[in-house]
N, C-alpha and C. Protein backbone atom coordinates (compact mmCIF):
# COMPACT_ATOMS: atom_id res chain seq x y z
N UNK A 1 6.77 -48.57 32.97
CA UNK A 1 6.69 -47.13 32.98
C UNK A 1 5.23 -46.73 32.85
N UNK A 2 4.77 -45.90 33.73
CA UNK A 2 3.37 -45.48 33.72
C UNK A 2 3.20 -44.23 32.87
N UNK A 3 2.23 -44.23 32.02
CA UNK A 3 1.97 -43.07 31.17
C UNK A 3 1.06 -42.09 31.88
N UNK A 4 0.32 -42.51 32.94
CA UNK A 4 -0.53 -41.61 33.70
C UNK A 4 -1.85 -41.34 33.00
N UNK A 5 -2.69 -40.58 33.68
CA UNK A 5 -3.99 -40.22 33.11
C UNK A 5 -3.82 -39.01 32.21
N UNK A 6 -4.74 -38.89 31.28
CA UNK A 6 -4.74 -37.76 30.36
C UNK A 6 -6.09 -37.09 30.47
N UNK A 7 -6.10 -35.90 31.00
CA UNK A 7 -7.36 -35.19 31.22
C UNK A 7 -8.13 -35.02 29.91
N UNK A 8 -9.40 -35.38 29.94
CA UNK A 8 -10.27 -35.19 28.79
C UNK A 8 -10.14 -36.23 27.69
N UNK A 9 -9.29 -37.24 27.87
CA UNK A 9 -9.15 -38.28 26.85
C UNK A 9 -10.33 -39.23 26.94
N UNK A 10 -11.16 -39.27 25.90
CA UNK A 10 -12.32 -40.16 25.94
C UNK A 10 -11.91 -41.60 25.66
N UNK A 11 -12.63 -42.51 26.24
CA UNK A 11 -12.37 -43.93 25.97
C UNK A 11 -13.05 -44.31 24.65
N UNK A 12 -12.33 -45.03 23.78
CA UNK A 12 -12.97 -45.45 22.53
C UNK A 12 -13.98 -46.58 22.77
N UNK A 13 -13.94 -47.17 23.96
CA UNK A 13 -14.83 -48.28 24.30
C UNK A 13 -15.41 -48.03 25.69
N UNK A 14 -16.37 -47.10 25.84
CA UNK A 14 -16.93 -46.80 27.16
C UNK A 14 -17.54 -48.06 27.80
N UNK A 15 -17.21 -48.27 29.06
CA UNK A 15 -17.67 -49.47 29.75
C UNK A 15 -19.19 -49.50 29.90
N UNK A 16 -19.81 -48.36 30.10
CA UNK A 16 -21.26 -48.31 30.31
C UNK A 16 -22.01 -48.91 29.12
N UNK A 17 -21.47 -48.74 27.93
CA UNK A 17 -22.13 -49.26 26.73
C UNK A 17 -22.05 -50.78 26.64
N UNK A 18 -21.21 -51.40 27.44
CA UNK A 18 -21.09 -52.86 27.40
C UNK A 18 -21.95 -53.54 28.47
N UNK A 19 -22.58 -52.74 29.32
CA UNK A 19 -23.41 -53.28 30.40
C UNK A 19 -24.82 -53.60 29.89
N UNK A 20 -25.52 -54.46 30.59
CA UNK A 20 -26.93 -54.71 30.25
C UNK A 20 -27.72 -53.39 30.35
N UNK A 21 -28.80 -53.29 29.58
CA UNK A 21 -29.58 -52.05 29.48
C UNK A 21 -30.05 -51.53 30.83
N UNK A 22 -30.40 -52.39 31.75
CA UNK A 22 -30.89 -51.93 33.05
C UNK A 22 -29.83 -51.13 33.81
N UNK A 23 -28.53 -51.54 33.65
CA UNK A 23 -27.45 -50.81 34.32
C UNK A 23 -27.05 -49.55 33.57
N UNK A 24 -27.27 -49.54 32.26
CA UNK A 24 -26.94 -48.36 31.49
C UNK A 24 -27.83 -47.18 31.87
N UNK A 25 -29.02 -47.46 32.39
CA UNK A 25 -29.94 -46.40 32.79
C UNK A 25 -29.67 -45.89 34.20
N UNK A 26 -28.89 -46.63 35.00
CA UNK A 26 -28.62 -46.25 36.39
C UNK A 26 -27.51 -45.20 36.43
N UNK A 27 -27.81 -44.04 37.05
CA UNK A 27 -26.88 -42.92 37.10
C UNK A 27 -25.61 -43.26 37.87
N UNK A 28 -25.71 -43.94 39.00
CA UNK A 28 -24.54 -44.30 39.80
C UNK A 28 -23.60 -45.23 39.01
N UNK A 29 -24.16 -46.21 38.34
CA UNK A 29 -23.36 -47.14 37.55
C UNK A 29 -22.64 -46.41 36.43
N UNK A 30 -23.34 -45.49 35.77
CA UNK A 30 -22.72 -44.73 34.68
C UNK A 30 -21.56 -43.88 35.19
N UNK A 31 -21.73 -43.24 36.37
CA UNK A 31 -20.64 -42.43 36.94
C UNK A 31 -19.44 -43.29 37.33
N UNK A 32 -19.69 -44.49 37.90
CA UNK A 32 -18.60 -45.39 38.26
C UNK A 32 -17.84 -45.87 37.02
N UNK A 33 -18.58 -46.22 35.99
CA UNK A 33 -17.90 -46.68 34.77
C UNK A 33 -17.17 -45.53 34.07
N UNK A 34 -17.69 -44.31 34.18
CA UNK A 34 -16.99 -43.14 33.62
C UNK A 34 -15.65 -42.94 34.32
N UNK A 35 -15.62 -43.16 35.64
CA UNK A 35 -14.35 -43.04 36.38
C UNK A 35 -13.36 -44.10 35.91
N UNK A 36 -13.83 -45.30 35.69
CA UNK A 36 -12.96 -46.36 35.17
C UNK A 36 -12.51 -46.05 33.75
N UNK A 37 -13.41 -45.51 32.94
CA UNK A 37 -13.05 -45.13 31.57
C UNK A 37 -11.90 -44.12 31.57
N UNK A 38 -11.95 -43.17 32.52
CA UNK A 38 -10.92 -42.14 32.61
C UNK A 38 -9.55 -42.76 32.92
N UNK A 39 -9.53 -43.80 33.74
CA UNK A 39 -8.29 -44.47 34.10
C UNK A 39 -7.82 -45.39 32.97
N UNK A 40 -8.75 -46.05 32.30
CA UNK A 40 -8.40 -47.02 31.26
C UNK A 40 -8.09 -46.37 29.91
N UNK A 41 -8.62 -45.19 29.65
CA UNK A 41 -8.44 -44.54 28.34
C UNK A 41 -6.96 -44.39 27.94
N UNK A 42 -6.06 -43.94 28.83
CA UNK A 42 -4.65 -43.85 28.42
C UNK A 42 -4.04 -45.22 28.10
N UNK A 43 -4.42 -46.25 28.85
CA UNK A 43 -3.89 -47.59 28.56
C UNK A 43 -4.38 -48.08 27.20
N UNK A 44 -5.64 -47.86 26.91
CA UNK A 44 -6.19 -48.27 25.62
C UNK A 44 -5.53 -47.48 24.50
N UNK A 45 -5.34 -46.18 24.72
CA UNK A 45 -4.68 -45.35 23.72
C UNK A 45 -3.25 -45.82 23.47
N UNK A 46 -2.54 -46.18 24.54
CA UNK A 46 -1.17 -46.68 24.40
C UNK A 46 -1.14 -47.96 23.58
N UNK A 47 -2.04 -48.88 23.89
CA UNK A 47 -2.10 -50.15 23.16
C UNK A 47 -2.47 -49.91 21.70
N UNK A 48 -3.44 -49.00 21.47
CA UNK A 48 -3.84 -48.69 20.09
C UNK A 48 -2.69 -48.07 19.28
N UNK A 49 -1.76 -47.41 19.97
CA UNK A 49 -0.64 -46.73 19.30
C UNK A 49 0.70 -47.40 19.60
N UNK A 50 0.68 -48.69 19.90
CA UNK A 50 1.89 -49.39 20.29
C UNK A 50 3.00 -49.28 19.25
N UNK A 51 2.65 -49.31 17.99
CA UNK A 51 3.65 -49.19 16.94
C UNK A 51 4.46 -47.91 17.06
N UNK A 52 3.81 -46.82 17.44
CA UNK A 52 4.50 -45.54 17.60
C UNK A 52 5.44 -45.58 18.80
N UNK A 53 5.08 -46.31 19.83
CA UNK A 53 5.95 -46.42 21.01
C UNK A 53 7.20 -47.23 20.70
N UNK A 54 7.13 -48.13 19.73
CA UNK A 54 8.27 -48.98 19.39
C UNK A 54 9.13 -48.41 18.28
N UNK A 55 8.77 -47.25 17.75
CA UNK A 55 9.53 -46.59 16.70
C UNK A 55 10.32 -45.44 17.33
N UNK A 56 11.67 -45.49 17.29
CA UNK A 56 12.46 -44.43 17.92
C UNK A 56 12.15 -43.03 17.39
N UNK A 57 11.70 -42.93 16.16
CA UNK A 57 11.39 -41.62 15.59
C UNK A 57 10.07 -41.05 16.13
N UNK A 58 9.18 -41.91 16.63
CA UNK A 58 7.85 -41.46 17.04
C UNK A 58 7.60 -41.57 18.55
N UNK A 59 8.34 -42.39 19.25
CA UNK A 59 8.07 -42.63 20.66
C UNK A 59 8.17 -41.33 21.46
N UNK A 60 7.37 -41.19 22.52
CA UNK A 60 7.48 -39.98 23.35
C UNK A 60 8.89 -39.83 23.91
N UNK A 61 9.34 -38.59 24.10
CA UNK A 61 10.69 -38.32 24.57
C UNK A 61 11.02 -39.07 25.86
N UNK A 62 10.07 -39.10 26.80
CA UNK A 62 10.33 -39.74 28.09
C UNK A 62 10.33 -41.27 28.00
N UNK A 63 9.96 -41.82 26.88
CA UNK A 63 9.91 -43.27 26.68
C UNK A 63 11.15 -43.77 25.92
N UNK A 64 11.91 -42.84 25.34
CA UNK A 64 13.02 -43.20 24.47
C UNK A 64 14.12 -43.97 25.21
N UNK A 65 14.46 -43.56 26.42
CA UNK A 65 15.52 -44.25 27.16
C UNK A 65 15.11 -45.70 27.46
N UNK A 66 13.85 -45.90 27.82
CA UNK A 66 13.35 -47.24 28.08
C UNK A 66 13.42 -48.08 26.81
N UNK A 67 13.02 -47.51 25.69
CA UNK A 67 13.09 -48.21 24.41
C UNK A 67 14.55 -48.53 24.07
N UNK A 68 15.45 -47.60 24.31
CA UNK A 68 16.87 -47.82 24.07
C UNK A 68 17.42 -48.96 24.90
N UNK A 69 16.87 -49.17 26.09
CA UNK A 69 17.29 -50.27 26.93
C UNK A 69 17.03 -51.63 26.29
N UNK A 70 16.04 -51.72 25.45
CA UNK A 70 15.72 -52.97 24.75
C UNK A 70 16.85 -53.39 23.83
N UNK A 71 17.57 -52.41 23.27
CA UNK A 71 18.64 -52.71 22.33
C UNK A 71 20.01 -52.30 22.90
N UNK A 72 20.09 -52.20 24.24
CA UNK A 72 21.33 -51.89 24.94
C UNK A 72 21.98 -50.60 24.44
N UNK A 73 21.17 -49.60 24.17
CA UNK A 73 21.68 -48.29 23.75
C UNK A 73 21.72 -47.38 24.97
N UNK A 74 22.91 -47.14 25.49
CA UNK A 74 23.06 -46.24 26.63
C UNK A 74 23.09 -44.82 26.11
N UNK A 75 22.06 -44.07 26.44
CA UNK A 75 21.92 -42.73 25.90
C UNK A 75 22.57 -41.69 26.81
N UNK A 76 23.11 -40.67 26.19
CA UNK A 76 23.68 -39.54 26.91
C UNK A 76 22.61 -38.46 26.96
N UNK A 77 22.16 -38.13 28.17
CA UNK A 77 21.06 -37.16 28.30
C UNK A 77 21.44 -35.76 27.86
N UNK A 78 22.74 -35.51 27.62
CA UNK A 78 23.14 -34.18 27.14
C UNK A 78 22.99 -34.06 25.62
N UNK A 79 22.78 -35.18 24.92
CA UNK A 79 22.59 -35.12 23.47
C UNK A 79 21.23 -34.54 23.13
N UNK A 80 21.12 -33.87 21.99
CA UNK A 80 19.79 -33.43 21.53
C UNK A 80 18.91 -34.66 21.28
N UNK A 81 17.61 -34.48 21.41
CA UNK A 81 16.67 -35.60 21.28
C UNK A 81 16.78 -36.28 19.92
N UNK A 82 17.04 -35.53 18.84
CA UNK A 82 17.16 -36.12 17.52
C UNK A 82 18.34 -37.09 17.45
N UNK A 83 19.44 -36.73 18.10
CA UNK A 83 20.63 -37.59 18.11
C UNK A 83 20.37 -38.85 18.93
N UNK A 84 19.66 -38.72 20.05
CA UNK A 84 19.32 -39.91 20.86
C UNK A 84 18.41 -40.84 20.08
N UNK A 85 17.44 -40.27 19.36
CA UNK A 85 16.53 -41.10 18.55
C UNK A 85 17.32 -41.84 17.47
N UNK A 86 18.26 -41.17 16.81
CA UNK A 86 19.07 -41.80 15.76
C UNK A 86 19.92 -42.93 16.34
N UNK A 87 20.45 -42.72 17.53
CA UNK A 87 21.28 -43.75 18.16
C UNK A 87 20.47 -44.99 18.48
N UNK A 88 19.27 -44.81 19.04
CA UNK A 88 18.41 -45.97 19.34
C UNK A 88 18.03 -46.68 18.05
N UNK A 89 17.73 -45.92 17.00
CA UNK A 89 17.36 -46.53 15.72
C UNK A 89 18.50 -47.36 15.12
N UNK A 90 19.74 -46.95 15.35
CA UNK A 90 20.89 -47.64 14.78
C UNK A 90 21.47 -48.71 15.70
N UNK A 91 21.04 -48.77 16.95
CA UNK A 91 21.68 -49.63 17.95
C UNK A 91 21.73 -51.10 17.56
N UNK A 92 20.64 -51.64 17.06
CA UNK A 92 20.64 -53.07 16.70
C UNK A 92 21.66 -53.35 15.59
N UNK A 93 21.74 -52.48 14.60
CA UNK A 93 22.71 -52.66 13.53
C UNK A 93 24.13 -52.50 14.05
N UNK A 94 24.34 -51.55 14.96
CA UNK A 94 25.67 -51.37 15.54
C UNK A 94 26.11 -52.61 16.31
N UNK A 95 25.18 -53.22 17.03
CA UNK A 95 25.52 -54.44 17.77
C UNK A 95 25.81 -55.61 16.82
N UNK A 96 25.10 -55.65 15.72
CA UNK A 96 25.32 -56.72 14.74
C UNK A 96 26.73 -56.63 14.16
N UNK A 97 27.25 -55.42 14.00
CA UNK A 97 28.57 -55.22 13.41
C UNK A 97 29.65 -54.98 14.46
N UNK A 98 29.31 -55.26 15.71
CA UNK A 98 30.25 -55.05 16.82
C UNK A 98 31.51 -55.88 16.61
N UNK A 99 32.67 -55.28 16.89
CA UNK A 99 33.94 -55.97 16.73
C UNK A 99 34.58 -55.77 15.38
N UNK A 100 33.88 -55.13 14.44
CA UNK A 100 34.46 -54.82 13.13
C UNK A 100 34.90 -53.37 13.12
N UNK A 101 35.86 -53.06 12.27
CA UNK A 101 36.35 -51.68 12.17
C UNK A 101 35.23 -50.73 11.75
N UNK A 102 34.42 -51.16 10.77
CA UNK A 102 33.32 -50.31 10.30
C UNK A 102 32.27 -50.11 11.39
N UNK A 103 31.96 -51.17 12.13
CA UNK A 103 30.99 -51.06 13.22
C UNK A 103 31.50 -50.14 14.33
N UNK A 104 32.79 -50.27 14.66
CA UNK A 104 33.38 -49.40 15.69
C UNK A 104 33.37 -47.94 15.23
N UNK A 105 33.73 -47.71 13.98
CA UNK A 105 33.73 -46.34 13.44
C UNK A 105 32.34 -45.73 13.49
N UNK A 106 31.33 -46.50 13.12
CA UNK A 106 29.96 -45.99 13.15
C UNK A 106 29.51 -45.71 14.58
N UNK A 107 29.87 -46.59 15.51
CA UNK A 107 29.50 -46.39 16.91
C UNK A 107 30.14 -45.11 17.46
N UNK A 108 31.41 -44.91 17.17
CA UNK A 108 32.10 -43.70 17.62
C UNK A 108 31.52 -42.47 16.93
N UNK A 109 31.17 -42.61 15.66
CA UNK A 109 30.60 -41.48 14.90
C UNK A 109 29.28 -41.02 15.54
N UNK A 110 28.45 -41.97 15.93
CA UNK A 110 27.18 -41.61 16.58
C UNK A 110 27.46 -40.93 17.92
N UNK A 111 28.44 -41.44 18.65
CA UNK A 111 28.76 -40.89 19.98
C UNK A 111 29.34 -39.48 19.90
N UNK A 112 30.22 -39.23 18.92
CA UNK A 112 30.94 -37.95 18.86
C UNK A 112 30.40 -36.98 17.83
N UNK A 113 29.66 -37.49 16.84
CA UNK A 113 29.21 -36.69 15.71
C UNK A 113 30.41 -36.10 14.95
N UNK A 114 31.50 -36.87 14.89
CA UNK A 114 32.71 -36.42 14.21
C UNK A 114 33.09 -37.35 13.08
N UNK A 115 34.20 -37.00 12.41
CA UNK A 115 34.76 -37.86 11.36
C UNK A 115 35.68 -38.85 12.06
N UNK A 116 35.48 -40.14 11.81
CA UNK A 116 36.18 -41.18 12.55
C UNK A 116 37.04 -42.01 11.61
N UNK A 117 38.24 -42.31 12.07
CA UNK A 117 39.12 -43.21 11.34
C UNK A 117 39.62 -44.26 12.33
N UNK A 118 39.47 -45.53 11.97
CA UNK A 118 39.96 -46.64 12.78
C UNK A 118 41.18 -47.21 12.06
N UNK A 119 42.32 -47.17 12.72
CA UNK A 119 43.57 -47.65 12.14
C UNK A 119 43.93 -48.96 12.84
N UNK A 120 43.92 -50.04 12.08
CA UNK A 120 44.21 -51.36 12.63
C UNK A 120 45.67 -51.74 12.38
N UNK A 121 46.21 -52.59 13.25
CA UNK A 121 47.60 -53.02 13.07
C UNK A 121 47.72 -54.18 12.10
N UNK A 122 46.67 -54.92 11.91
CA UNK A 122 46.73 -56.10 11.04
C UNK A 122 46.60 -55.76 9.59
N UNK A 123 46.65 -56.77 8.76
CA UNK A 123 46.51 -56.53 7.34
C UNK A 123 46.49 -57.85 6.58
N UNK A 124 46.15 -57.76 5.34
CA UNK A 124 46.15 -58.92 4.45
C UNK A 124 46.76 -58.47 3.13
N UNK A 125 47.67 -59.28 2.62
CA UNK A 125 48.31 -58.94 1.35
C UNK A 125 48.83 -60.23 0.71
N UNK A 126 49.25 -60.12 -0.52
CA UNK A 126 49.86 -61.26 -1.20
C UNK A 126 51.08 -60.75 -1.95
N UNK A 127 51.92 -61.67 -2.29
CA UNK A 127 53.15 -61.29 -2.98
C UNK A 127 53.42 -62.32 -4.08
N UNK A 128 53.97 -61.87 -5.18
CA UNK A 128 54.31 -62.79 -6.27
C UNK A 128 55.63 -63.50 -5.98
N UNK A 129 56.40 -63.03 -5.04
CA UNK A 129 57.67 -63.68 -4.74
C UNK A 129 57.61 -64.34 -3.37
N UNK A 130 58.29 -65.43 -3.23
CA UNK A 130 58.35 -66.19 -2.00
C UNK A 130 59.07 -65.38 -0.91
N UNK A 131 58.56 -65.44 0.31
CA UNK A 131 59.20 -64.77 1.44
C UNK A 131 58.94 -63.28 1.52
N UNK A 132 57.91 -62.81 0.86
CA UNK A 132 57.57 -61.39 0.92
C UNK A 132 57.21 -60.97 2.35
N UNK A 133 57.33 -59.71 2.66
CA UNK A 133 57.06 -59.20 4.00
C UNK A 133 55.60 -59.36 4.41
N UNK A 134 55.40 -59.52 5.70
CA UNK A 134 54.05 -59.65 6.23
C UNK A 134 53.44 -58.27 6.43
N UNK A 135 52.16 -58.10 6.18
CA UNK A 135 51.52 -56.79 6.39
C UNK A 135 51.25 -56.55 7.87
N UNK A 136 51.01 -55.31 8.21
CA UNK A 136 50.64 -54.96 9.57
C UNK A 136 51.81 -55.02 10.53
N UNK A 137 51.50 -55.01 11.83
CA UNK A 137 52.54 -55.09 12.84
C UNK A 137 52.33 -56.34 13.68
N UNK A 138 53.38 -56.74 14.38
CA UNK A 138 53.32 -57.98 15.16
C UNK A 138 52.39 -57.85 16.37
N UNK A 139 52.28 -56.68 16.94
CA UNK A 139 51.44 -56.46 18.13
C UNK A 139 50.05 -56.00 17.68
N UNK A 140 49.00 -56.83 17.90
CA UNK A 140 47.66 -56.42 17.48
C UNK A 140 47.16 -55.22 18.29
N UNK A 141 46.71 -54.20 17.61
CA UNK A 141 46.19 -53.01 18.27
C UNK A 141 45.35 -52.22 17.28
N UNK A 142 44.69 -51.21 17.83
CA UNK A 142 43.96 -50.29 16.95
C UNK A 142 44.01 -48.89 17.54
N UNK A 143 43.92 -47.95 16.65
CA UNK A 143 43.95 -46.53 17.04
C UNK A 143 42.70 -45.89 16.45
N UNK A 144 41.97 -45.17 17.28
CA UNK A 144 40.76 -44.48 16.84
C UNK A 144 41.04 -42.98 16.87
N UNK A 145 40.96 -42.36 15.70
CA UNK A 145 41.17 -40.92 15.59
C UNK A 145 39.84 -40.28 15.21
N UNK A 146 39.45 -39.28 16.00
CA UNK A 146 38.17 -38.60 15.78
C UNK A 146 38.45 -37.12 15.55
N UNK A 147 37.95 -36.59 14.46
CA UNK A 147 38.09 -35.17 14.16
C UNK A 147 36.73 -34.50 14.38
N UNK A 148 36.73 -33.53 15.27
CA UNK A 148 35.51 -32.78 15.58
C UNK A 148 35.83 -31.30 15.57
N UNK A 149 34.81 -30.49 15.42
CA UNK A 149 35.05 -29.05 15.37
C UNK A 149 35.49 -28.50 16.73
N UNK A 150 34.98 -29.10 17.82
CA UNK A 150 35.36 -28.63 19.17
C UNK A 150 35.78 -29.84 20.02
N UNK A 151 37.07 -30.19 20.02
CA UNK A 151 37.53 -31.36 20.77
C UNK A 151 37.24 -31.28 22.26
N UNK A 152 37.18 -30.09 22.82
CA UNK A 152 36.91 -29.97 24.26
C UNK A 152 35.50 -30.43 24.63
N UNK A 153 34.60 -30.53 23.65
CA UNK A 153 33.23 -30.99 23.92
C UNK A 153 33.14 -32.51 24.03
N UNK A 154 34.18 -33.23 23.62
CA UNK A 154 34.16 -34.69 23.64
C UNK A 154 34.70 -35.18 24.98
N UNK A 155 33.94 -36.02 25.66
CA UNK A 155 34.37 -36.64 26.91
C UNK A 155 35.27 -37.82 26.53
N UNK A 156 36.59 -37.60 26.59
CA UNK A 156 37.55 -38.59 26.11
C UNK A 156 37.49 -39.87 26.96
N UNK A 157 37.26 -39.73 28.26
CA UNK A 157 37.18 -40.92 29.12
C UNK A 157 35.99 -41.80 28.72
N UNK A 158 34.84 -41.18 28.45
CA UNK A 158 33.66 -41.95 28.01
C UNK A 158 33.90 -42.55 26.63
N UNK A 159 34.56 -41.79 25.75
CA UNK A 159 34.87 -42.30 24.42
C UNK A 159 35.82 -43.50 24.51
N UNK A 160 36.82 -43.41 25.38
CA UNK A 160 37.75 -44.52 25.57
C UNK A 160 37.02 -45.75 26.09
N UNK A 161 36.09 -45.56 27.02
CA UNK A 161 35.30 -46.68 27.56
C UNK A 161 34.41 -47.28 26.47
N UNK A 162 33.84 -46.43 25.62
CA UNK A 162 33.00 -46.91 24.52
C UNK A 162 33.82 -47.76 23.56
N UNK A 163 35.01 -47.28 23.19
CA UNK A 163 35.88 -48.04 22.29
C UNK A 163 36.28 -49.35 22.95
N UNK A 164 36.61 -49.30 24.24
CA UNK A 164 36.99 -50.51 24.96
C UNK A 164 35.90 -51.56 24.98
N UNK A 165 34.64 -51.12 25.05
CA UNK A 165 33.51 -52.06 25.08
C UNK A 165 33.14 -52.56 23.69
N UNK A 166 33.39 -51.77 22.65
CA UNK A 166 32.93 -52.13 21.31
C UNK A 166 33.99 -52.83 20.45
N UNK A 167 35.25 -52.79 20.85
CA UNK A 167 36.32 -53.41 20.07
C UNK A 167 36.49 -54.87 20.47
N UNK A 168 37.21 -55.67 19.68
CA UNK A 168 37.53 -57.02 20.12
C UNK A 168 38.36 -56.97 21.41
N UNK A 169 38.08 -57.85 22.34
CA UNK A 169 38.67 -57.79 23.68
C UNK A 169 40.19 -57.95 23.69
N UNK A 170 40.75 -58.66 22.74
CA UNK A 170 42.19 -58.95 22.77
C UNK A 170 43.05 -57.80 22.24
N UNK A 171 42.46 -56.77 21.69
CA UNK A 171 43.23 -55.67 21.10
C UNK A 171 43.49 -54.54 22.09
N UNK A 172 44.74 -54.06 22.06
CA UNK A 172 45.03 -52.80 22.76
C UNK A 172 44.46 -51.68 21.89
N UNK A 173 44.10 -50.58 22.52
CA UNK A 173 43.58 -49.48 21.71
C UNK A 173 44.05 -48.14 22.27
N UNK A 174 44.06 -47.15 21.41
CA UNK A 174 44.30 -45.77 21.80
C UNK A 174 43.23 -44.92 21.12
N UNK A 175 42.94 -43.79 21.75
CA UNK A 175 41.92 -42.87 21.24
C UNK A 175 42.56 -41.49 21.13
N UNK A 176 42.29 -40.83 20.02
CA UNK A 176 42.81 -39.49 19.79
C UNK A 176 41.68 -38.62 19.27
N UNK A 177 41.50 -37.47 19.90
CA UNK A 177 40.49 -36.51 19.45
C UNK A 177 41.24 -35.29 18.94
N UNK A 178 40.98 -34.93 17.69
CA UNK A 178 41.67 -33.81 17.07
C UNK A 178 40.66 -32.80 16.54
N UNK A 179 41.13 -31.59 16.34
CA UNK A 179 40.29 -30.54 15.76
C UNK A 179 40.31 -30.66 14.24
N UNK A 180 39.20 -30.40 13.63
CA UNK A 180 39.18 -30.40 12.18
C UNK A 180 37.95 -31.11 11.64
N UNK A 181 37.85 -31.10 10.32
CA UNK A 181 36.70 -31.70 9.67
C UNK A 181 36.93 -33.12 9.23
N UNK A 182 38.17 -33.58 9.20
CA UNK A 182 38.41 -34.94 8.73
C UNK A 182 39.50 -35.58 9.58
N UNK A 183 39.34 -36.86 9.86
CA UNK A 183 40.32 -37.61 10.65
C UNK A 183 41.25 -38.36 9.70
N UNK A 184 42.44 -37.79 9.48
CA UNK A 184 43.41 -38.43 8.59
C UNK A 184 44.69 -38.68 9.36
N UNK A 185 45.42 -39.73 9.02
CA UNK A 185 46.64 -40.03 9.74
C UNK A 185 47.66 -38.89 9.59
N UNK A 186 48.43 -38.69 10.65
CA UNK A 186 49.44 -37.64 10.63
C UNK A 186 50.65 -38.06 9.82
């Protein structure tokens, strides 16, 4: 990605000052090196500020999508810039917890900005008596319920695709978007 030239940006290391004294006095040489300084100054500035380019909170807006690509964060251009920055900042952690109920809930929460509940079919329990019932259901599945203030603003097809990509592959899933402040089972 090219950052382009920045009018009036001085070079912190002018080329003319690195030349032998005889060339520093030549007007044509100084003008040629000034032209190169103008082209090189943005590159030097970018390198000097590389840490800011790698920080989702500080990187320029037009650089954020490219940075998100490093951590496989597919950004929605309709989101406010603050939400996109938060998603890129959390992407590596979300990928680390991919396939877990908590990781899926956090991923959906970032996508929808809603209250998320992941209901799994499995379970773990113990019993003091022999032959006690097994927890969960026989068919592995999960249900994702999202409560948002305006359900019509949520793209359910994209949400379903997101859940499909972030959940364990062997599980069936369903997605439900409801109105309200909290996602609780009916």
